[in-house]
Amino acid sequence: MTFMDLEDPRYAYMFGFLQADGHLSAGTRQRGSLSVELSYRDIDILRAFQELCPYNSTIRERTRATNFSQSHRSAIWTVCSLEARNRLVELGLPYGKKSAGIAPPRVPFSRRDYLRGVIDADGSVGHTAQGLPFVALTTASTAIATYLCRYTKLTLDIPRLPGRNARDHVYNIMYMRESGVTLADHLYYPGSLALERKRSAAAEVAAWVRPAHMGPPRPRRSWTQMEDRILLQAPTLAHAAEQLGRSRSSCQVRRWRLLQGQLPLPD
């Protein structure tokens, strides 16, 4: 077993998780460590990482006061091996703060397992207060946000456009209803390595069936080159929406993608 062979689904998941929730620290004379601190309820995933890691590592517990609890219990997995740290840096896990700069690996890797690791660490799976199923990811990394949207489009035919929110400039990407069901079922397949609580939530999401009172989902309407020309020539988004019989927000997103070069301009 080669440490961090990302074509191995377990290591691909582990690396995605470490990019999102791990921390590499460096000291003098090549000393340093990789650490992951999680709520004690998630200690099983740290034990799985320890088994996958051929280098000496430790898992310890601590209890401390946080903004949410006076006695928060957590588990911390730590690896000090320089060889292990060098391998992780080589694959794209930098030392220090990393949230905005991380990106998918540039070597062959198991894609859905990698994304499940990222979502387990930095995402959410479950139901909204209204009972709607969802899978969501919050990330500061443009590369990760773009990759997730591209992956779901190419693999599952679920289009999403990454965009930063205005409050804290991070990406909040959400897949709801049928798209959430499809993504949860795809990522959390039987036998895959995952946080148990998110695996259970994903199973509940994947079992969701649209209630009869909700009505059928609206079919997607493809854009034609003629519509793209009308959109680009219209004096305002309101004019374009009226001419095309589409929503203003749909026209705004389409025009932005055309002008940013994300889509080919019409002939």
C-alpha atoms as a PDB file:
ATOM      1  CA  MET A   1       0.000   0.000   0.000  1.00  0.00           C
ATOM      2  CA  THR A   2       1.519   3.300  -1.135  1.00  0.00           C
ATOM      3  CA  PHE A   3       0.811   6.196   1.207  1.00  0.00           C
ATOM      4  CA  MET A   4      -1.500   8.735  -0.423  1.00  0.00           C
ATOM      5  CA  ASP A   5      -1.988   6.946  -3.731  1.00  0.00           C
ATOM      6  CA  LEU A   6      -4.972   9.079  -4.694  1.00  0.00           C
ATOM      7  CA  GLU A   7      -6.300   6.510  -7.153  1.00  0.00           C
ATOM      8  CA  ASP A   8      -7.127   4.480  -4.046  1.00  0.00           C
ATOM      9  CA  PRO A   9     -10.636   5.710  -3.027  1.00  0.00           C
ATOM     10  CA  ARG A  10      -9.701   5.686   0.664  1.00  0.00           C
ATOM     11  CA  TYR A  11      -6.702   7.945   0.203  1.00  0.00           C
ATOM     12  CA  ALA A  12      -8.592  10.214  -2.202  1.00  0.00           C
ATOM     13  CA  TYR A  13     -11.247  10.699   0.477  1.00  0.00           C
ATOM     14  CA  MET A  14      -8.637  11.173   3.183  1.00  0.00           C
ATOM     15  CA  PHE A  15      -6.755  13.783   1.162  1.00  0.00           C
ATOM     16  CA  GLY A  16      -9.925  15.767   0.418  1.00  0.00           C
ATOM     17  CA  PHE A  17     -10.771  15.714   4.113  1.00  0.00           C
ATOM     18  CA  LEU A  18      -7.256  16.810   5.103  1.00  0.00           C
ATOM     19  CA  GLN A  19      -7.262  19.672   2.605  1.00  0.00           C
ATOM     20  CA  ALA A  20     -10.473  20.993   4.110  1.00  0.00           C
ATOM     21  CA  ASP A  21     -10.004  20.188   7.809  1.00  0.00           C
ATOM     22  CA  GLY A  22      -6.361  19.272   8.382  1.00  0.00           C
ATOM     23  CA  HIS A  23      -3.525  21.543   9.478  1.00  0.00           C
ATOM     24  CA  LEU A  24       0.172  21.304   8.619  1.00  0.00           C
ATOM     25  CA  SER A  25       2.497  23.186  10.968  1.00  0.00           C
ATOM     26  CA  ALA A  26       6.254  23.617  10.567  1.00  0.00           C
ATOM     27  CA  GLY A  27       8.928  24.076  13.206  1.00  0.00           C
ATOM     28  CA  THR A  28      12.698  24.412  13.249  1.00  0.00           C
ATOM     29  CA  ARG A  29      15.073  21.701  11.970  1.00  0.00           C
ATOM     30  CA  GLN A  30      12.375  20.171   9.750  1.00  0.00           C
ATOM     31  CA  ARG A  31      10.135  19.466  12.709  1.00  0.00           C
ATOM     32  CA  GLY A  32       6.411  19.871  12.363  1.00  0.00           C
ATOM     33  CA  SER A  33       3.153  17.950  12.307  1.00  0.00           C
ATOM     34  CA  LEU A  34      -0.096  17.210  10.553  1.00  0.00           C
ATOM     35  CA  SER A  35      -3.119  17.425  12.843  1.00  0.00           C
ATOM     36  CA  VAL A  36      -6.871  17.055  12.537  1.00  0.00           C
ATOM     37  CA  GLU A  37      -9.182  18.021  15.404  1.00  0.00           C
ATOM     38  CA  LEU A  38     -12.806  16.872  15.294  1.00  0.00           C
ATOM     39  CA  SER A  39     -15.705  16.517  17.661  1.00  0.00           C
ATOM     40  CA  TYR A  40     -15.275  13.341  19.706  1.00  0.00           C
ATOM     41  CA  ARG A  41     -18.358  11.877  18.026  1.00  0.00           C
ATOM     42  CA  ASP A  42     -16.311  11.672  14.799  1.00  0.00           C
ATOM     43  CA  ILE A  43     -13.316   9.874  16.323  1.00  0.00           C
ATOM     44  CA  ASP A  44     -13.931   6.786  14.175  1.00  0.00           C
ATOM     45  CA  ILE A  45     -12.784   8.600  11.029  1.00  0.00           C
ATOM     46  CA  LEU A  46      -9.548   9.573  12.781  1.00  0.00           C
ATOM     47  CA  ARG A  47      -9.024   5.935  13.695  1.00  0.00           C
ATOM     48  CA  ALA A  48      -9.544   5.035  10.032  1.00  0.00           C
ATOM     49  CA  PHE A  49      -6.927   7.631   9.030  1.00  0.00           C
ATOM     50  CA  GLN A  50      -4.535   6.213  11.617  1.00  0.00           C
ATOM     51  CA  GLU A  51      -4.930   2.734  10.106  1.00  0.00           C
ATOM     52  CA  LEU A  52      -4.317   4.081   6.592  1.00  0.00           C
ATOM     53  CA  CYS A  53      -1.200   5.971   7.665  1.00  0.00           C
ATOM     54  CA  PRO A  54       1.948   3.774   7.700  1.00  0.00           C
ATOM     55  CA  TYR A  55       3.753   6.309   9.921  1.00  0.00           C
ATOM     56  CA  ASN A  56       3.548   6.594  13.709  1.00  0.00           C
ATOM     57  CA  SER A  57       0.626   8.746  14.805  1.00  0.00           C
ATOM     58  CA  THR A  58      -1.410   9.453  17.909  1.00  0.00           C
ATOM     59  CA  ILE A  59      -5.010  10.207  18.781  1.00  0.00           C
ATOM     60  CA  ARG A  60      -5.670  12.144  21.956  1.00  0.00           C
ATOM     61  CA  GLU A  61      -8.716  13.732  23.518  1.00  0.00           C
ATOM     62  CA  ARG A  62      -9.296  17.102  25.110  1.00  0.00           C
ATOM     63  CA  THR A  63     -12.170  19.055  26.638  1.00  0.00           C
ATOM     64  CA  ARG A  64     -12.322  22.840  26.397  1.00  0.00           C
ATOM     65  CA  ALA A  65     -14.732  25.769  26.432  1.00  0.00           C
ATOM     66  CA  THR A  66     -15.955  27.056  23.065  1.00  0.00           C
ATOM     67  CA  ASN A  67     -18.519  29.589  21.858  1.00  0.00           C
ATOM     68  CA  PHE A  68     -21.079  26.790  21.816  1.00  0.00           C
ATOM     69  CA  SER A  69     -20.200  24.734  24.876  1.00  0.00           C
ATOM     70  CA  GLN A  70     -18.347  25.056  28.156  1.00  0.00           C
ATOM     71  CA  SER A  71     -17.109  21.472  27.888  1.00  0.00           C
ATOM     72  CA  HIS A  72     -16.627  20.618  24.231  1.00  0.00           C
ATOM     73  CA  ARG A  73     -14.991  17.198  23.853  1.00  0.00           C
ATOM     74  CA  SER A  74     -12.777  16.712  20.818  1.00  0.00           C
ATOM     75  CA  ALA A  75     -10.319  14.184  19.380  1.00  0.00           C
ATOM     76  CA  ILE A  76      -7.016  15.130  17.725  1.00  0.00           C
ATOM     77  CA  TRP A  77      -5.031  12.939  15.314  1.00  0.00           C
ATOM     78  CA  THR A  78      -1.375  13.928  14.908  1.00  0.00           C
ATOM     79  CA  VAL A  79       1.371  12.743  12.542  1.00  0.00           C
ATOM     80  CA  CYS A  80       4.918  14.125  12.809  1.00  0.00           C
ATOM     81  CA  SER A  81       6.691  12.193  10.043  1.00  0.00           C
ATOM     82  CA  LEU A  82       8.589  14.491   7.661  1.00  0.00           C
ATOM     83  CA  GLU A  83       8.183  11.985   4.838  1.00  0.00           C
ATOM     84  CA  ALA A  84       4.406  11.982   5.284  1.00  0.00           C
ATOM     85  CA  ARG A  85       4.294  15.782   5.407  1.00  0.00           C
ATOM     86  CA  ASN A  86       6.422  16.104   2.280  1.00  0.00           C
ATOM     87  CA  ARG A  87       4.078  13.783   0.400  1.00  0.00           C
ATOM     88  CA  LEU A  88       1.031  15.819   1.425  1.00  0.00           C
ATOM     89  CA  VAL A  89       2.689  19.095   0.423  1.00  0.00           C
ATOM     90  CA  GLU A  90       3.623  17.564  -2.931  1.00  0.00           C
ATOM     91  CA  LEU A  91      -0.052  16.711  -3.514  1.00  0.00           C
ATOM     92  CA  GLY A  92      -1.329  20.166  -2.581  1.00  0.00           C
ATOM     93  CA  LEU A  93      -1.754  20.488   1.175  1.00  0.00           C
ATOM     94  CA  PRO A  94       0.233  23.615   2.166  1.00  0.00           C
ATOM     95  CA  TYR A  95       1.610  24.548   5.551  1.00  0.00           C
ATOM     96  CA  GLY A  96      -0.340  27.077   7.622  1.00  0.00           C
ATOM     97  CA  LYS A  97      -3.578  28.719   6.535  1.00  0.00           C
ATOM     98  CA  LYS A  98      -4.843  27.130   3.374  1.00  0.00           C
ATOM     99  CA  SER A  99      -8.603  27.508   2.892  1.00  0.00           C
ATOM    100  CA  ALA A 100      -8.522  29.878  -0.099  1.00  0.00           C
ATOM    101  CA  GLY A 101      -5.530  28.326  -1.836  1.00  0.00           C
ATOM    102  CA  ILE A 102      -6.327  24.617  -1.902  1.00  0.00           C
ATOM    103  CA  ALA A 103      -7.155  22.962  -5.221  1.00  0.00           C
ATOM    104  CA  PRO A 104      -7.912  19.484  -6.566  1.00  0.00           C
ATOM    105  CA  PRO A 105      -4.801  17.318  -7.018  1.00  0.00           C
ATOM    106  CA  ARG A 106      -2.881  17.444 -10.283  1.00  0.00           C
ATOM    107  CA  VAL A 107      -2.247  13.715 -10.276  1.00  0.00           C
ATOM    108  CA  PRO A 108      -4.802  11.026 -11.154  1.00  0.00           C
ATOM    109  CA  PHE A 109      -7.276  10.640  -8.295  1.00  0.00           C
ATOM    110  CA  SER A 110     -10.629   9.089  -7.441  1.00  0.00           C
ATOM    111  CA  ARG A 111     -12.869  12.086  -7.990  1.00  0.00           C
ATOM    112  CA  ARG A 112     -16.085  11.291  -6.165  1.00  0.00           C
ATOM    113  CA  ASP A 113     -14.187   9.983  -3.150  1.00  0.00           C
ATOM    114  CA  TYR A 114     -12.092  13.150  -3.038  1.00  0.00           C
ATOM    115  CA  LEU A 115     -15.211  15.318  -3.198  1.00  0.00           C
ATOM    116  CA  ARG A 116     -16.917  13.275  -0.485  1.00  0.00           C
ATOM    117  CA  GLY A 117     -13.904  13.965   1.742  1.00  0.00           C
ATOM    118  CA  VAL A 118     -14.147  17.700   1.076  1.00  0.00           C
ATOM    119  CA  ILE A 119     -17.900  17.713   1.758  1.00  0.00           C
ATOM    120  CA  ASP A 120     -17.547  15.589   4.910  1.00  0.00           C
ATOM    121  CA  ALA A 121     -15.090  18.164   6.261  1.00  0.00           C
ATOM    122  CA  ASP A 122     -16.513  21.457   4.951  1.00  0.00           C
ATOM    123  CA  GLY A 123     -20.017  20.623   3.769  1.00  0.00           C
ATOM    124  CA  SER A 124     -23.453  19.657   5.011  1.00  0.00           C
ATOM    125  CA  VAL A 125     -25.873  16.853   4.194  1.00  0.00           C
ATOM    126  CA  GLY A 126     -29.437  16.692   5.469  1.00  0.00           C
ATOM    127  CA  HIS A 127     -32.845  18.343   5.301  1.00  0.00           C
ATOM    128  CA  THR A 128     -33.854  21.972   5.623  1.00  0.00           C
ATOM    129  CA  ALA A 129     -36.370  23.157   8.213  1.00  0.00           C
ATOM    130  CA  GLN A 130     -39.007  22.682   5.488  1.00  0.00           C
ATOM    131  CA  GLY A 131     -37.975  19.059   5.015  1.00  0.00           C
ATOM    132  CA  LEU A 132     -36.175  19.549   1.704  1.00  0.00           C
ATOM    133  CA  PRO A 133     -33.121  17.331   1.120  1.00  0.00           C
ATOM    134  CA  PHE A 134     -29.793  18.945   0.305  1.00  0.00           C
ATOM    135  CA  VAL A 135     -26.057  18.499  -0.082  1.00  0.00           C
ATOM    136  CA  ALA A 136     -24.024  21.693   0.347  1.00  0.00           C
ATOM    137  CA  LEU A 137     -20.416  22.850   0.398  1.00  0.00           C
ATOM    138  CA  THR A 138     -18.981  26.033   1.916  1.00  0.00           C
ATOM    139  CA  THR A 139     -15.451  26.859   0.775  1.00  0.00           C
ATOM    140  CA  ALA A 140     -13.165  29.835   0.296  1.00  0.00           C
ATOM    141  CA  SER A 141     -11.340  28.073  -2.545  1.00  0.00           C
ATOM    142  CA  THR A 142     -12.298  29.125  -6.064  1.00  0.00           C
ATOM    143  CA  ALA A 143     -10.621  26.005  -7.460  1.00  0.00           C
ATOM    144  CA  ILE A 144     -12.619  23.637  -5.234  1.00  0.00           C
ATOM    145  CA  ALA A 145     -15.930  25.432  -5.869  1.00  0.00           C
ATOM    146  CA  THR A 146     -15.366  25.438  -9.617  1.00  0.00           C
ATOM    147  CA  TYR A 147     -14.312  21.800  -9.640  1.00  0.00           C
ATOM    148  CA  LEU A 148     -17.399  20.630  -7.736  1.00  0.00           C
ATOM    149  CA  CYS A 149     -19.720  22.486 -10.111  1.00  0.00           C
ATOM    150  CA  ARG A 150     -17.886  21.167 -13.156  1.00  0.00           C
ATOM    151  CA  TYR A 151     -17.924  17.618 -11.792  1.00  0.00           C
ATOM    152  CA  THR A 152     -21.660  17.561 -11.072  1.00  0.00           C
ATOM    153  CA  LYS A 153     -22.391  19.025 -14.517  1.00  0.00           C
ATOM    154  CA  LEU A 154     -20.235  16.554 -16.447  1.00  0.00           C
ATOM    155  CA  THR A 155     -20.929  13.480 -14.316  1.00  0.00           C
ATOM    156  CA  LEU A 156     -24.521  13.933 -13.126  1.00  0.00           C
ATOM    157  CA  ASP A 157     -25.852  16.610 -15.509  1.00  0.00           C
ATOM    158  CA  ILE A 158     -26.576  18.916 -12.574  1.00  0.00           C
ATOM    159  CA  PRO A 159     -25.590  22.486 -13.514  1.00  0.00           C
ATOM    160  CA  ARG A 160     -24.367  24.887 -10.863  1.00  0.00           C
ATOM    161  CA  LEU A 161     -22.533  28.193 -11.139  1.00  0.00           C
ATOM    162  CA  PRO A 162     -20.095  28.977  -8.306  1.00  0.00           C
ATOM    163  CA  GLY A 163     -20.472  32.445  -6.827  1.00  0.00           C
ATOM    164  CA  ARG A 164     -19.167  34.108  -3.668  1.00  0.00           C
ATOM    165  CA  ASN A 165     -21.672  35.451  -1.165  1.00  0.00           C
ATOM    166  CA  ALA A 166     -21.596  39.152  -0.366  1.00  0.00           C
ATOM    167  CA  ARG A 167     -21.221  38.801   3.422  1.00  0.00           C
ATOM    168  CA  ASP A 168     -17.963  36.872   3.801  1.00  0.00           C
ATOM    169  CA  HIS A 169     -16.943  36.196   0.190  1.00  0.00           C
ATOM    170  CA  VAL A 170     -16.978  32.417   0.442  1.00  0.00           C
ATOM    171  CA  TYR A 171     -18.741  30.013  -1.901  1.00  0.00           C
ATOM    172  CA  ASN A 172     -21.983  28.409  -0.724  1.00  0.00           C
ATOM    173  CA  ILE A 173     -22.964  25.733  -3.244  1.00  0.00           C
ATOM    174  CA  MET A 174     -26.198  23.879  -2.564  1.00  0.00           C
ATOM    175  CA  TYR A 175     -27.889  20.974  -4.311  1.00  0.00           C
ATOM    176  CA  MET A 176     -31.525  20.642  -3.233  1.00  0.00           C
ATOM    177  CA  ARG A 177     -34.456  18.348  -3.908  1.00  0.00           C
ATOM    178  CA  GLU A 178     -33.767  15.896  -6.762  1.00  0.00           C
ATOM    179  CA  SER A 179     -30.257  17.224  -7.364  1.00  0.00           C
ATOM    180  CA  GLY A 180     -29.428  16.712  -3.678  1.00  0.00           C
ATOM    181  CA  VAL A 181     -30.853  13.182  -3.817  1.00  0.00           C
ATOM    182  CA  THR A 182     -28.769  12.349  -6.895  1.00  0.00           C
ATOM    183  CA  LEU A 183     -25.548  13.774  -5.476  1.00  0.00           C
ATOM    184  CA  ALA A 184     -25.947  12.125  -2.051  1.00  0.00           C
ATOM    185  CA  ASP A 185     -26.610   8.743  -3.651  1.00  0.00           C
ATOM    186  CA  HIS A 186     -23.602   9.188  -5.955  1.00  0.00           C
ATOM    187  CA  LEU A 187     -21.068  10.283  -3.343  1.00  0.00           C
ATOM    188  CA  TYR A 188     -22.042   8.053  -0.419  1.00  0.00           C
ATOM    189  CA  TYR A 189     -22.025   4.678  -2.118  1.00  0.00           C
ATOM    190  CA  PRO A 190     -21.989   1.384  -0.136  1.00  0.00           C
ATOM    191  CA  GLY A 191     -18.658   0.594   1.457  1.00  0.00           C
ATOM    192  CA  SER A 192     -17.197   4.071   0.978  1.00  0.00           C
ATOM    193  CA  LEU A 193     -15.138   5.722   3.708  1.00  0.00           C
ATOM    194  CA  ALA A 194     -17.131   8.551   5.320  1.00  0.00           C
ATOM    195  CA  LEU A 195     -18.207  10.189   8.557  1.00  0.00           C
ATOM    196  CA  GLU A 196     -20.932   7.893   9.872  1.00  0.00           C
ATOM    197  CA  ARG A 197     -23.302  10.735  10.765  1.00  0.00           C
ATOM    198  CA  LYS A 198     -23.070  12.142   7.236  1.00  0.00           C
ATOM    199  CA  ARG A 199     -23.429   8.695   5.696  1.00  0.00           C
ATOM    200  CA  SER A 200     -26.667   8.276   7.673  1.00  0.00           C
ATOM    201  CA  ALA A 201     -27.852  11.738   6.627  1.00  0.00           C
ATOM    202  CA  ALA A 202     -27.005  10.958   2.994  1.00  0.00           C
ATOM    203  CA  ALA A 203     -29.055   7.754   3.154  1.00  0.00           C
ATOM    204  CA  GLU A 204     -32.047   9.766   4.377  1.00  0.00           C
ATOM    205  CA  VAL A 205     -31.503  12.366   1.652  1.00  0.00           C
ATOM    206  CA  ALA A 206     -31.210   9.693  -1.052  1.00  0.00           C
ATOM    207  CA  ALA A 207     -34.515   8.138   0.095  1.00  0.00           C
ATOM    208  CA  TRP A 208     -36.464  11.402  -0.373  1.00  0.00           C
ATOM    209  CA  VAL A 209     -39.389  11.339  -2.807  1.00  0.00           C
ATOM    210  CA  ARG A 210     -41.060  14.526  -3.960  1.00  0.00           C
ATOM    211  CA  PRO A 211     -44.475  14.826  -2.225  1.00  0.00           C
ATOM    212  CA  ALA A 212     -47.551  14.941  -4.452  1.00  0.00           C
ATOM    213  CA  HIS A 213     -48.577  18.402  -3.189  1.00  0.00           C
ATOM    214  CA  MET A 214     -45.264  19.919  -4.307  1.00  0.00           C
ATOM    215  CA  GLY A 215     -45.877  19.447  -8.007  1.00  0.00           C
ATOM    216  CA  PRO A 216     -43.355  18.158 -10.541  1.00  0.00           C
ATOM    217  CA  PRO A 217     -39.952  19.829 -10.971  1.00  0.00           C
ATOM    218  CA  ARG A 218     -39.729  22.303 -13.806  1.00  0.00           C
ATOM    219  CA  PRO A 219     -37.953  20.820 -16.832  1.00  0.00           C
ATOM    220  CA  ARG A 220     -34.706  22.480 -17.796  1.00  0.00           C
ATOM    221  CA  ARG A 221     -34.890  24.598 -20.897  1.00  0.00           C
ATOM    222  CA  SER A 222     -31.761  24.652 -23.024  1.00  0.00           C
ATOM    223  CA  TRP A 223     -30.436  27.884 -24.475  1.00  0.00           C
ATOM    224  CA  THR A 224     -30.140  28.266 -28.237  1.00  0.00           C
ATOM    225  CA  GLN A 225     -27.690  30.428 -30.170  1.00  0.00           C
ATOM    226  CA  MET A 226     -30.593  32.651 -31.256  1.00  0.00           C
ATOM    227  CA  GLU A 227     -31.539  33.238 -27.613  1.00  0.00           C
ATOM    228  CA  ASP A 228     -27.921  34.012 -26.742  1.00  0.00           C
ATOM    229  CA  ARG A 229     -27.824  36.640 -29.498  1.00  0.00           C
ATOM    230  CA  ILE A 230     -31.061  38.226 -28.249  1.00  0.00           C
ATOM    231  CA  LEU A 231     -29.716  38.197 -24.695  1.00  0.00           C
ATOM    232  CA  LEU A 232     -26.477  39.933 -25.647  1.00  0.00           C
ATOM    233  CA  GLN A 233     -28.185  42.519 -27.862  1.00  0.00           C
ATOM    234  CA  ALA A 234     -30.987  43.428 -25.422  1.00  0.00           C
ATOM    235  CA  PRO A 235     -30.555  46.900 -23.817  1.00  0.00           C
ATOM    236  CA  THR A 236     -31.410  45.603 -20.328  1.00  0.00           C
ATOM    237  CA  LEU A 237     -31.933  42.308 -18.527  1.00  0.00           C
ATOM    238  CA  ALA A 238     -35.607  43.178 -18.149  1.00  0.00           C
ATOM    239  CA  HIS A 239     -35.958  43.519 -21.921  1.00  0.00           C
ATOM    240  CA  ALA A 240     -34.141  40.232 -22.471  1.00  0.00           C
ATOM    241  CA  ALA A 241     -36.289  38.378 -19.915  1.00  0.00           C
ATOM    242  CA  GLU A 242     -39.478  39.682 -21.543  1.00  0.00           C
ATOM    243  CA  GLN A 243     -38.374  38.779 -25.071  1.00  0.00           C
ATOM    244  CA  LEU A 244     -37.149  35.313 -24.125  1.00  0.00           C
ATOM    245  CA  GLY A 245     -39.850  34.367 -21.632  1.00  0.00           C
ATOM    246  CA  ARG A 246     -37.216  33.615 -18.999  1.00  0.00           C
ATOM    247  CA  SER A 247     -36.559  34.922 -15.505  1.00  0.00           C
ATOM    248  CA  ARG A 248     -34.305  37.931 -15.041  1.00  0.00           C
ATOM    249  CA  SER A 249     -31.955  35.939 -12.817  1.00  0.00           C
ATOM    250  CA  SER A 250     -31.606  33.237 -15.481  1.00  0.00           C
ATOM    251  CA  CYS A 251     -30.752  35.877 -18.085  1.00  0.00           C
ATOM    252  CA  GLN A 252     -28.271  37.534 -15.730  1.00  0.00           C
ATOM    253  CA  VAL A 253     -26.393  34.281 -15.048  1.00  0.00           C
ATOM    254  CA  ARG A 254     -26.374  33.294 -18.733  1.00  0.00           C
ATOM    255  CA  ARG A 255     -25.079  36.662 -19.908  1.00  0.00           C
ATOM    256  CA  TRP A 256     -22.389  36.712 -17.208  1.00  0.00           C
ATOM    257  CA  ARG A 257     -21.158  33.275 -18.276  1.00  0.00           C
ATOM    258  CA  LEU A 258     -21.086  34.305 -21.939  1.00  0.00           C
ATOM    259  CA  LEU A 259     -19.184  37.515 -21.245  1.00  0.00           C
ATOM    260  CA  GLN A 260     -16.723  35.799 -18.891  1.00  0.00           C
ATOM    261  CA  GLY A 261     -15.835  33.225 -21.518  1.00  0.00           C
ATOM    262  CA  GLN A 262     -17.301  30.322 -19.590  1.00  0.00           C
ATOM    263  CA  LEU A 263     -19.580  29.606 -22.560  1.00  0.00           C
ATOM    264  CA  PRO A 264     -18.912  30.065 -26.303  1.00  0.00           C
ATOM    265  CA  LEU A 265     -20.385  33.204 -27.852  1.00  0.00           C
ATOM    266  CA  PRO A 266     -23.066  32.629 -30.499  1.00  0.00           C
ATOM    267  CA  ASP A 267     -21.992  32.601 -34.157  1.00  0.00           C
END
